[in-house]
């Protein structure tokens, strides 16, 4: 299954915890992504409490069977929007049927465990996913936010195709063990928070404040203790981008893609302009010196 190296992250289009989002803008962004050759759209049943999957299906229209839709399960919610993690076999089956209905497809190309729940043994959840795969409702199985031990346990139980983890210039924890383990196991790696939750877009000022309900109000990337350092990275991205004729976001994404152990960088999208900009990270490379300069910021 071939996927684009830049993926369309669909959390924001759920219209929850990412500021104002208009469904018309979301659909226009999906259409523009298709025009630009993006074929990986990553969502979850919990994004917008189902709304993200519905908007994605509407935006893709008849093309929804021609692209790679990656969705997730494992975070349940109640009528008041309160969430809890649950990856029991019963949860797998119920969540899968809900996603199939909202996405209006018969088989999910990539179905992922969103988070371990801390109670259900990993092998039990993966076995349940394997049965869904055998039933023809799931094509490939993926995991998100798994430790090395958990991804190895999952791989021993059933074939796991992908792992989705946070990774960017200032969050490189996966380099020590997770990337080598995935390479050994033949598991593809997709990154989220590729732009540090929008920080590396370069559009925010040092004194930016987010609404209380916005996830970025509690984000490590914007906290007081890391803000000064992280904004120095933004200034470096801007300066480097001027030499390449690129934006800070394009340089930050390119830095990830120049790591050969990364298969795809997911970026959260709200508008057509954002996906147009992010696709500008493709088909060029940073010099080795510039890649190392950015890498050294973290050390």
C-alpha atoms as a PDB file:
ATOM      1  CA  UNK A   1       0.000   0.000   0.000  1.00  0.00           C
ATOM      2  CA  UNK A   2       1.653   3.216  -1.211  1.00  0.00           C
ATOM      3  CA  UNK A   3       1.076   6.369   0.827  1.00  0.00           C
ATOM      4  CA  UNK A   4       2.028   9.989   0.252  1.00  0.00           C
ATOM      5  CA  UNK A   5       4.958  11.170   2.351  1.00  0.00           C
ATOM      6  CA  UNK A   6       2.908  14.077   3.661  1.00  0.00           C
ATOM      7  CA  UNK A   7      -0.391  13.003   5.205  1.00  0.00           C
ATOM      8  CA  UNK A   8      -3.560  14.964   5.942  1.00  0.00           C
ATOM      9  CA  UNK A   9      -4.208  15.003   9.696  1.00  0.00           C
ATOM     10  CA  UNK A  10      -7.937  15.236  10.424  1.00  0.00           C
ATOM     11  CA  UNK A  11      -8.120  16.014  14.143  1.00  0.00           C
ATOM     12  CA  UNK A  12      -8.801  19.713  13.646  1.00  0.00           C
ATOM     13  CA  UNK A  13     -11.613  19.198  11.134  1.00  0.00           C
ATOM     14  CA  UNK A  14     -13.552  17.475  13.883  1.00  0.00           C
ATOM     15  CA  UNK A  15     -14.201  21.016  15.139  1.00  0.00           C
ATOM     16  CA  UNK A  16     -13.140  20.331  18.702  1.00  0.00           C
ATOM     17  CA  UNK A  17     -10.161  21.622  20.753  1.00  0.00           C
ATOM     18  CA  UNK A  18      -8.364  23.298  17.833  1.00  0.00           C
ATOM     19  CA  UNK A  19     -10.095  26.670  17.598  1.00  0.00           C
ATOM     20  CA  UNK A  20     -12.649  27.700  15.014  1.00  0.00           C
ATOM     21  CA  UNK A  21     -13.139  25.299  12.101  1.00  0.00           C
ATOM     22  CA  UNK A  22     -15.652  25.595   9.248  1.00  0.00           C
ATOM     23  CA  UNK A  23     -16.815  22.384   7.563  1.00  0.00           C
ATOM     24  CA  UNK A  24     -16.807  24.136   4.165  1.00  0.00           C
ATOM     25  CA  UNK A  25     -13.142  25.025   4.653  1.00  0.00           C
ATOM     26  CA  UNK A  26     -12.396  21.455   5.726  1.00  0.00           C
ATOM     27  CA  UNK A  27     -14.047  20.000   2.634  1.00  0.00           C
ATOM     28  CA  UNK A  28     -12.225  22.476   0.386  1.00  0.00           C
ATOM     29  CA  UNK A  29      -8.943  21.415   2.033  1.00  0.00           C
ATOM     30  CA  UNK A  30      -9.708  17.736   1.388  1.00  0.00           C
ATOM     31  CA  UNK A  31     -10.467  18.480  -2.270  1.00  0.00           C
ATOM     32  CA  UNK A  32      -7.224  20.425  -2.621  1.00  0.00           C
ATOM     33  CA  UNK A  33      -5.245  17.618  -0.986  1.00  0.00           C
ATOM     34  CA  UNK A  34      -6.637  15.171  -3.541  1.00  0.00           C
ATOM     35  CA  UNK A  35      -5.678  17.546  -6.360  1.00  0.00           C
ATOM     36  CA  UNK A  36      -2.125  17.706  -4.997  1.00  0.00           C
ATOM     37  CA  UNK A  37      -1.719  13.924  -4.836  1.00  0.00           C
ATOM     38  CA  UNK A  38      -2.191  13.432  -1.096  1.00  0.00           C
ATOM     39  CA  UNK A  39      -3.677   9.988  -0.566  1.00  0.00           C
ATOM     40  CA  UNK A  40      -3.308   9.422   3.201  1.00  0.00           C
ATOM     41  CA  UNK A  41      -5.998  10.882   5.452  1.00  0.00           C
ATOM     42  CA  UNK A  42      -5.560  10.131   9.151  1.00  0.00           C
ATOM     43  CA  UNK A  43      -8.500  10.498  11.526  1.00  0.00           C
ATOM     44  CA  UNK A  44     -10.029   8.840  14.599  1.00  0.00           C
ATOM     45  CA  UNK A  45     -13.514   8.065  15.803  1.00  0.00           C
ATOM     46  CA  UNK A  46     -12.982  10.367  18.809  1.00  0.00           C
ATOM     47  CA  UNK A  47     -11.959  13.426  16.744  1.00  0.00           C
ATOM     48  CA  UNK A  48     -14.924  15.727  17.144  1.00  0.00           C
ATOM     49  CA  UNK A  49     -16.742  12.738  18.664  1.00  0.00           C
ATOM     50  CA  UNK A  50     -17.334  11.251  15.217  1.00  0.00           C
ATOM     51  CA  UNK A  51     -17.590  14.503  13.277  1.00  0.00           C
ATOM     52  CA  UNK A  52     -14.121  14.287  11.718  1.00  0.00           C
ATOM     53  CA  UNK A  53     -14.888  10.940  10.083  1.00  0.00           C
ATOM     54  CA  UNK A  54     -18.187  12.277   8.760  1.00  0.00           C
ATOM     55  CA  UNK A  55     -16.617  15.411   7.279  1.00  0.00           C
ATOM     56  CA  UNK A  56     -13.785  13.372   5.771  1.00  0.00           C
ATOM     57  CA  UNK A  57     -16.241  11.011   4.073  1.00  0.00           C
ATOM     58  CA  UNK A  58     -18.248  13.946   2.735  1.00  0.00           C
ATOM     59  CA  UNK A  59     -15.135  15.686   1.436  1.00  0.00           C
ATOM     60  CA  UNK A  60     -13.740  12.579  -0.245  1.00  0.00           C
ATOM     61  CA  UNK A  61     -17.061  11.658  -1.831  1.00  0.00           C
ATOM     62  CA  UNK A  62     -16.669   8.826  -4.330  1.00  0.00           C
ATOM     63  CA  UNK A  63     -12.888   9.097  -3.970  1.00  0.00           C
ATOM     64  CA  UNK A  64     -13.070   7.659  -0.444  1.00  0.00           C
ATOM     65  CA  UNK A  65     -12.427   4.177  -1.828  1.00  0.00           C
ATOM     66  CA  UNK A  66      -9.417   5.345  -3.859  1.00  0.00           C
ATOM     67  CA  UNK A  67      -7.363   6.729  -0.966  1.00  0.00           C
ATOM     68  CA  UNK A  68      -5.838   5.388   2.233  1.00  0.00           C
ATOM     69  CA  UNK A  69      -8.109   6.293   5.128  1.00  0.00           C
ATOM     70  CA  UNK A  70      -6.387   5.650   8.442  1.00  0.00           C
ATOM     71  CA  UNK A  71      -8.662   5.845  11.440  1.00  0.00           C
ATOM     72  CA  UNK A  72      -8.347   4.788  15.067  1.00  0.00           C
ATOM     73  CA  UNK A  73     -10.256   3.388  18.021  1.00  0.00           C
ATOM     74  CA  UNK A  74      -9.601   3.084  21.728  1.00  0.00           C
ATOM     75  CA  UNK A  75     -10.930   6.328  23.201  1.00  0.00           C
ATOM     76  CA  UNK A  76     -14.622   6.070  24.090  1.00  0.00           C
ATOM     77  CA  UNK A  77     -16.871   9.007  24.932  1.00  0.00           C
ATOM     78  CA  UNK A  78     -20.203   9.497  26.672  1.00  0.00           C
ATOM     79  CA  UNK A  79     -23.162  11.813  25.959  1.00  0.00           C
ATOM     80  CA  UNK A  80     -21.406  14.686  27.741  1.00  0.00           C
ATOM     81  CA  UNK A  81     -18.186  14.269  25.770  1.00  0.00           C
ATOM     82  CA  UNK A  82     -16.181  12.735  28.605  1.00  0.00           C
ATOM     83  CA  UNK A  83     -13.590  10.269  27.338  1.00  0.00           C
ATOM     84  CA  UNK A  84     -11.808   7.175  28.594  1.00  0.00           C
ATOM     85  CA  UNK A  85      -9.496   4.651  26.983  1.00  0.00           C
ATOM     86  CA  UNK A  86     -10.811   1.186  26.167  1.00  0.00           C
ATOM     87  CA  UNK A  87      -9.237  -1.334  23.771  1.00  0.00           C
ATOM     88  CA  UNK A  88     -11.155  -4.427  24.851  1.00  0.00           C
ATOM     89  CA  UNK A  89     -12.378  -6.754  22.058  1.00  0.00           C
ATOM     90  CA  UNK A  90     -15.921  -5.493  22.612  1.00  0.00           C
ATOM     91  CA  UNK A  91     -14.728  -1.942  22.092  1.00  0.00           C
ATOM     92  CA  UNK A  92     -12.885  -2.929  18.903  1.00  0.00           C
ATOM     93  CA  UNK A  93     -16.016  -4.356  17.303  1.00  0.00           C
ATOM     94  CA  UNK A  94     -18.337  -1.517  18.319  1.00  0.00           C
ATOM     95  CA  UNK A  95     -15.891   1.226  17.352  1.00  0.00           C
ATOM     96  CA  UNK A  96     -15.143  -0.405  14.004  1.00  0.00           C
ATOM     97  CA  UNK A  97     -18.808  -0.586  13.039  1.00  0.00           C
ATOM     98  CA  UNK A  98     -19.261   3.070  13.977  1.00  0.00           C
ATOM     99  CA  UNK A  99     -16.282   4.166  11.874  1.00  0.00           C
ATOM    100  CA  UNK A 100     -17.393   2.113   8.867  1.00  0.00           C
ATOM    101  CA  UNK A 101     -20.814   3.742   9.073  1.00  0.00           C
ATOM    102  CA  UNK A 102     -19.515   7.320   9.396  1.00  0.00           C
ATOM    103  CA  UNK A 103     -16.862   6.871   6.701  1.00  0.00           C
ATOM    104  CA  UNK A 104     -19.339   5.061   4.426  1.00  0.00           C
ATOM    105  CA  UNK A 105     -16.904   2.328   3.413  1.00  0.00           C
ATOM    106  CA  UNK A 106     -16.911  -1.465   3.782  1.00  0.00           C
ATOM    107  CA  UNK A 107     -13.269  -1.916   4.754  1.00  0.00           C
ATOM    108  CA  UNK A 108     -10.902   0.462   6.564  1.00  0.00           C
ATOM    109  CA  UNK A 109      -7.496   0.563   4.809  1.00  0.00           C
ATOM    110  CA  UNK A 110      -5.545   1.173   8.033  1.00  0.00           C
ATOM    111  CA  UNK A 111      -7.180   0.659  11.424  1.00  0.00           C
ATOM    112  CA  UNK A 112      -5.103   1.759  14.395  1.00  0.00           C
ATOM    113  CA  UNK A 113      -5.139   1.427  18.164  1.00  0.00           C
ATOM    114  CA  UNK A 114      -5.183   5.055  19.330  1.00  0.00           C
ATOM    115  CA  UNK A 115      -3.703   4.460  22.802  1.00  0.00           C
ATOM    116  CA  UNK A 116      -3.117   1.476  25.093  1.00  0.00           C
ATOM    117  CA  UNK A 117      -5.679   1.628  27.899  1.00  0.00           C
ATOM    118  CA  UNK A 118      -3.361   0.424  30.665  1.00  0.00           C
ATOM    119  CA  UNK A 119      -5.626  -2.535  31.504  1.00  0.00           C
ATOM    120  CA  UNK A 120      -6.277  -4.665  28.433  1.00  0.00           C
ATOM    121  CA  UNK A 121      -3.288  -6.813  27.416  1.00  0.00           C
ATOM    122  CA  UNK A 122      -1.985  -5.661  24.043  1.00  0.00           C
ATOM    123  CA  UNK A 123      -2.173  -9.138  22.538  1.00  0.00           C
ATOM    124  CA  UNK A 124      -5.905  -9.373  23.269  1.00  0.00           C
ATOM    125  CA  UNK A 125      -6.650  -6.133  21.417  1.00  0.00           C
ATOM    126  CA  UNK A 126      -4.455  -7.129  18.477  1.00  0.00           C
ATOM    127  CA  UNK A 127      -6.080 -10.561  18.273  1.00  0.00           C
ATOM    128  CA  UNK A 128      -9.478  -8.863  18.050  1.00  0.00           C
ATOM    129  CA  UNK A 129      -8.188  -6.640  15.253  1.00  0.00           C
ATOM    130  CA  UNK A 130      -6.878  -9.734  13.487  1.00  0.00           C
ATOM    131  CA  UNK A 131     -10.370 -11.220  13.503  1.00  0.00           C
ATOM    132  CA  UNK A 132     -11.733  -7.995  12.005  1.00  0.00           C
ATOM    133  CA  UNK A 133      -9.068  -8.243   9.313  1.00  0.00           C
ATOM    134  CA  UNK A 134     -10.010 -11.848   8.553  1.00  0.00           C
ATOM    135  CA  UNK A 135     -13.636 -10.724   8.237  1.00  0.00           C
ATOM    136  CA  UNK A 136     -12.598  -8.279   5.510  1.00  0.00           C
ATOM    137  CA  UNK A 137     -13.429  -5.117   7.482  1.00  0.00           C
ATOM    138  CA  UNK A 138      -9.810  -4.035   8.040  1.00  0.00           C
ATOM    139  CA  UNK A 139      -7.000  -4.183   5.474  1.00  0.00           C
ATOM    140  CA  UNK A 140      -3.972  -3.295   7.597  1.00  0.00           C
ATOM    141  CA  UNK A 141      -3.459  -2.946  11.359  1.00  0.00           C
ATOM    142  CA  UNK A 142      -1.548  -0.098  12.970  1.00  0.00           C
ATOM    143  CA  UNK A 143      -0.711   1.190  16.438  1.00  0.00           C
ATOM    144  CA  UNK A 144      -0.249   4.652  17.896  1.00  0.00           C
ATOM    145  CA  UNK A 145       1.644   5.801  20.976  1.00  0.00           C
ATOM    146  CA  UNK A 146       3.037   2.351  21.764  1.00  0.00           C
ATOM    147  CA  UNK A 147       6.273   1.772  23.647  1.00  0.00           C
ATOM    148  CA  UNK A 148       8.959  -0.561  22.263  1.00  0.00           C
ATOM    149  CA  UNK A 149       7.722  -3.367  24.512  1.00  0.00           C
ATOM    150  CA  UNK A 150       4.120  -2.866  23.405  1.00  0.00           C
ATOM    151  CA  UNK A 151       4.913  -2.761  19.695  1.00  0.00           C
ATOM    152  CA  UNK A 152       6.966  -5.956  20.021  1.00  0.00           C
ATOM    153  CA  UNK A 153       4.126  -7.672  21.881  1.00  0.00           C
ATOM    154  CA  UNK A 154       1.693  -6.563  19.190  1.00  0.00           C
ATOM    155  CA  UNK A 155       3.978  -7.809  16.408  1.00  0.00           C
ATOM    156  CA  UNK A 156       4.300 -11.232  18.021  1.00  0.00           C
ATOM    157  CA  UNK A 157       0.514 -11.549  18.074  1.00  0.00           C
ATOM    158  CA  UNK A 158      -0.316 -10.439  14.529  1.00  0.00           C
ATOM    159  CA  UNK A 159       1.178  -8.559  11.598  1.00  0.00           C
ATOM    160  CA  UNK A 160       1.331  -4.854  12.499  1.00  0.00           C
ATOM    161  CA  UNK A 161       2.020  -2.553   9.554  1.00  0.00           C
ATOM    162  CA  UNK A 162       2.517   0.878  11.093  1.00  0.00           C
ATOM    163  CA  UNK A 163       3.250   2.888  14.202  1.00  0.00           C
ATOM    164  CA  UNK A 164       2.168   6.503  14.646  1.00  0.00           C
ATOM    165  CA  UNK A 165       4.200   8.563  17.118  1.00  0.00           C
ATOM    166  CA  UNK A 166       5.063  12.216  17.868  1.00  0.00           C
ATOM    167  CA  UNK A 167       8.253  13.459  16.229  1.00  0.00           C
ATOM    168  CA  UNK A 168       9.686  16.833  15.277  1.00  0.00           C
ATOM    169  CA  UNK A 169      12.847  18.908  15.677  1.00  0.00           C
ATOM    170  CA  UNK A 170      12.389  19.372  19.444  1.00  0.00           C
ATOM    171  CA  UNK A 171      10.702  16.031  20.228  1.00  0.00           C
ATOM    172  CA  UNK A 172      13.081  13.261  19.155  1.00  0.00           C
ATOM    173  CA  UNK A 173      12.550  10.627  21.839  1.00  0.00           C
ATOM    174  CA  UNK A 174      11.676   7.939  19.274  1.00  0.00           C
ATOM    175  CA  UNK A 175      15.166   7.989  17.767  1.00  0.00           C
ATOM    176  CA  UNK A 176      16.793   6.028  20.599  1.00  0.00           C
ATOM    177  CA  UNK A 177      14.786   2.789  20.485  1.00  0.00           C
ATOM    178  CA  UNK A 178      11.474   3.027  18.645  1.00  0.00           C
ATOM    179  CA  UNK A 179      12.858   3.849  15.190  1.00  0.00           C
ATOM    180  CA  UNK A 180      15.499   1.079  15.296  1.00  0.00           C
ATOM    181  CA  UNK A 181      12.924  -1.433  16.560  1.00  0.00           C
ATOM    182  CA  UNK A 182      10.410  -0.519  13.849  1.00  0.00           C
ATOM    183  CA  UNK A 183      13.114  -0.831  11.207  1.00  0.00           C
ATOM    184  CA  UNK A 184      14.017  -4.291  12.505  1.00  0.00           C
ATOM    185  CA  UNK A 185      10.361  -5.379  12.595  1.00  0.00           C
ATOM    186  CA  UNK A 186       9.506  -3.924   9.182  1.00  0.00           C
ATOM    187  CA  UNK A 187       6.965  -1.493  10.627  1.00  0.00           C
ATOM    188  CA  UNK A 188       6.346   1.809   8.848  1.00  0.00           C
ATOM    189  CA  UNK A 189       6.501   4.987  10.943  1.00  0.00           C
ATOM    190  CA  UNK A 190       4.172   7.963  10.638  1.00  0.00           C
ATOM    191  CA  UNK A 191       4.791  11.103  12.674  1.00  0.00           C
ATOM    192  CA  UNK A 192       2.250  13.394  14.270  1.00  0.00           C
ATOM    193  CA  UNK A 193       2.900  16.797  15.856  1.00  0.00           C
ATOM    194  CA  UNK A 194       5.239  17.186  12.885  1.00  0.00           C
ATOM    195  CA  UNK A 195       4.877  20.977  13.192  1.00  0.00           C
ATOM    196  CA  UNK A 196       4.841  20.930  17.008  1.00  0.00           C
ATOM    197  CA  UNK A 197       1.061  21.552  17.047  1.00  0.00           C
ATOM    198  CA  UNK A 198       1.428  24.504  14.694  1.00  0.00           C
ATOM    199  CA  UNK A 199       4.366  26.193  16.414  1.00  0.00           C
ATOM    200  CA  UNK A 200       6.683  25.598  13.454  1.00  0.00           C
ATOM    201  CA  UNK A 201       4.225  27.204  11.049  1.00  0.00           C
ATOM    202  CA  UNK A 202       5.841  30.461  12.128  1.00  0.00           C
ATOM    203  CA  UNK A 203       2.506  32.271  12.416  1.00  0.00           C
ATOM    204  CA  UNK A 204       2.444  32.641  16.212  1.00  0.00           C
ATOM    205  CA  UNK A 205       4.037  35.394  18.296  1.00  0.00           C
ATOM    206  CA  UNK A 206       6.045  34.668  21.437  1.00  0.00           C
ATOM    207  CA  UNK A 207       3.206  35.935  23.646  1.00  0.00           C
ATOM    208  CA  UNK A 208       0.455  33.893  21.939  1.00  0.00           C
ATOM    209  CA  UNK A 209      -2.408  32.763  24.199  1.00  0.00           C
ATOM    210  CA  UNK A 210      -4.953  30.072  23.362  1.00  0.00           C
ATOM    211  CA  UNK A 211      -8.479  29.631  24.677  1.00  0.00           C
ATOM    212  CA  UNK A 212      -8.796  27.350  27.697  1.00  0.00           C
ATOM    213  CA  UNK A 213     -10.565  24.621  25.708  1.00  0.00           C
ATOM    214  CA  UNK A 214      -7.881  24.663  22.989  1.00  0.00           C
ATOM    215  CA  UNK A 215      -5.440  21.756  23.373  1.00  0.00           C
ATOM    216  CA  UNK A 216      -2.526  24.095  22.660  1.00  0.00           C
ATOM    217  CA  UNK A 217      -3.219  25.992  25.883  1.00  0.00           C
ATOM    218  CA  UNK A 218      -1.695  22.964  27.672  1.00  0.00           C
ATOM    219  CA  UNK A 219       0.787  21.952  24.997  1.00  0.00           C
ATOM    220  CA  UNK A 220       4.406  21.401  25.989  1.00  0.00           C
ATOM    221  CA  UNK A 221       5.425  23.286  22.858  1.00  0.00           C
ATOM    222  CA  UNK A 222       3.849  26.522  24.099  1.00  0.00           C
ATOM    223  CA  UNK A 223       4.520  26.250  27.830  1.00  0.00           C
ATOM    224  CA  UNK A 224       6.523  28.959  29.574  1.00  0.00           C
ATOM    225  CA  UNK A 225       9.451  26.656  30.409  1.00  0.00           C
ATOM    226  CA  UNK A 226      10.038  25.681  26.763  1.00  0.00           C
ATOM    227  CA  UNK A 227       8.633  28.673  24.916  1.00  0.00           C
ATOM    228  CA  UNK A 228      11.850  30.686  24.579  1.00  0.00           C
ATOM    229  CA  UNK A 229      13.840  27.731  23.259  1.00  0.00           C
ATOM    230  CA  UNK A 230      11.107  26.610  20.896  1.00  0.00           C
ATOM    231  CA  UNK A 231      10.647  30.076  19.427  1.00  0.00           C
ATOM    232  CA  UNK A 232      14.386  30.255  18.792  1.00  0.00           C
ATOM    233  CA  UNK A 233      13.869  27.186  16.632  1.00  0.00           C
ATOM    234  CA  UNK A 234      11.113  29.020  14.753  1.00  0.00           C
ATOM    235  CA  UNK A 235      13.500  31.909  14.053  1.00  0.00           C
ATOM    236  CA  UNK A 236      16.107  29.443  12.787  1.00  0.00           C
ATOM    237  CA  UNK A 237      13.521  27.764  10.543  1.00  0.00           C
ATOM    238  CA  UNK A 238      12.546  31.153   9.133  1.00  0.00           C
ATOM    239  CA  UNK A 239      16.171  32.123   8.438  1.00  0.00           C
ATOM    240  CA  UNK A 240      16.925  28.759   6.850  1.00  0.00           C
ATOM    241  CA  UNK A 241      13.745  28.903   4.799  1.00  0.00           C
ATOM    242  CA  UNK A 242      14.774  32.215   3.282  1.00  0.00           C
ATOM    243  CA  UNK A 243      17.898  30.558   1.866  1.00  0.00           C
ATOM    244  CA  UNK A 244      15.868  27.747   0.301  1.00  0.00           C
ATOM    245  CA  UNK A 245      12.890  29.854  -0.728  1.00  0.00           C
ATOM    246  CA  UNK A 246      10.718  27.878   1.695  1.00  0.00           C
ATOM    247  CA  UNK A 247       8.481  28.633   4.677  1.00  0.00           C
ATOM    248  CA  UNK A 248       9.317  27.584   8.255  1.00  0.00           C
ATOM    249  CA  UNK A 249       6.690  24.821   8.040  1.00  0.00           C
ATOM    250  CA  UNK A 250       8.150  23.450   4.833  1.00  0.00           C
ATOM    251  CA  UNK A 251      11.639  23.333   6.346  1.00  0.00           C
ATOM    252  CA  UNK A 252      10.370  21.632   9.530  1.00  0.00           C
ATOM    253  CA  UNK A 253       8.519  18.959   7.557  1.00  0.00           C
ATOM    254  CA  UNK A 254      11.462  18.475   5.195  1.00  0.00           C
ATOM    255  CA  UNK A 255      13.712  17.872   8.203  1.00  0.00           C
ATOM    256  CA  UNK A 256      11.477  14.947   9.216  1.00  0.00           C
ATOM    257  CA  UNK A 257      11.259  13.532   5.694  1.00  0.00           C
ATOM    258  CA  UNK A 258      15.042  13.598   5.310  1.00  0.00           C
ATOM    259  CA  UNK A 259      15.157  10.952   8.052  1.00  0.00           C
ATOM    260  CA  UNK A 260      15.048   7.714   6.049  1.00  0.00           C
ATOM    261  CA  UNK A 261      13.375   5.846   8.909  1.00  0.00           C
ATOM    262  CA  UNK A 262      10.243   8.003   8.627  1.00  0.00           C
ATOM    263  CA  UNK A 263       7.649   7.014   6.040  1.00  0.00           C
ATOM    264  CA  UNK A 264       5.139   9.831   6.386  1.00  0.00           C
ATOM    265  CA  UNK A 265       4.795  13.153   8.200  1.00  0.00           C
ATOM    266  CA  UNK A 266       1.224  13.897   9.232  1.00  0.00           C
ATOM    267  CA  UNK A 267       0.232  17.547   9.480  1.00  0.00           C
ATOM    268  CA  UNK A 268      -3.012  18.863  10.936  1.00  0.00           C
ATOM    269  CA  UNK A 269      -5.043  20.702   8.314  1.00  0.00           C
ATOM    270  CA  UNK A 270      -7.919  23.190   8.500  1.00  0.00           C
ATOM    271  CA  UNK A 271      -7.706  24.994   5.144  1.00  0.00           C
ATOM    272  CA  UNK A 272      -6.675  24.418   1.542  1.00  0.00           C
ATOM    273  CA  UNK A 273      -3.862  26.929   1.981  1.00  0.00           C
ATOM    274  CA  UNK A 274      -2.298  24.847   4.735  1.00  0.00           C
ATOM    275  CA  UNK A 275      -2.119  21.668   2.676  1.00  0.00           C
ATOM    276  CA  UNK A 276      -0.772  23.640  -0.282  1.00  0.00           C
ATOM    277  CA  UNK A 277       2.009  24.992   1.922  1.00  0.00           C
ATOM    278  CA  UNK A 278       2.845  21.646   3.512  1.00  0.00           C
ATOM    279  CA  UNK A 279       3.104  19.867   0.165  1.00  0.00           C
ATOM    280  CA  UNK A 280       5.903  22.338  -0.563  1.00  0.00           C
ATOM    281  CA  UNK A 281       8.065  20.190   1.727  1.00  0.00           C
ATOM    282  CA  UNK A 282       8.275  17.542  -1.013  1.00  0.00           C
ATOM    283  CA  UNK A 283      10.772  17.071  -3.838  1.00  0.00           C
ATOM    284  CA  UNK A 284      13.797  18.840  -2.380  1.00  0.00           C
ATOM    285  CA  UNK A 285      16.286  18.223   0.427  1.00  0.00           C
ATOM    286  CA  UNK A 286      18.113  20.062   3.163  1.00  0.00           C
ATOM    287  CA  UNK A 287      21.883  20.037   2.981  1.00  0.00           C
ATOM    288  CA  UNK A 288      23.497  17.685   5.481  1.00  0.00           C
ATOM    289  CA  UNK A 289      24.940  20.673   7.344  1.00  0.00           C
ATOM    290  CA  UNK A 290      21.550  22.347   7.668  1.00  0.00           C
ATOM    291  CA  UNK A 291      19.878  19.089   8.747  1.00  0.00           C
ATOM    292  CA  UNK A 292      22.517  18.668  11.449  1.00  0.00           C
ATOM    293  CA  UNK A 293      22.170  22.298  12.517  1.00  0.00           C
ATOM    294  CA  UNK A 294      18.466  21.774  13.177  1.00  0.00           C
ATOM    295  CA  UNK A 295      19.137  18.429  14.819  1.00  0.00           C
ATOM    296  CA  UNK A 296      21.620  20.072  17.152  1.00  0.00           C
ATOM    297  CA  UNK A 297      18.968  22.400  18.560  1.00  0.00           C
ATOM    298  CA  UNK A 298      17.560  19.459  20.541  1.00  0.00           C
ATOM    299  CA  UNK A 299      20.865  18.288  21.996  1.00  0.00           C
END
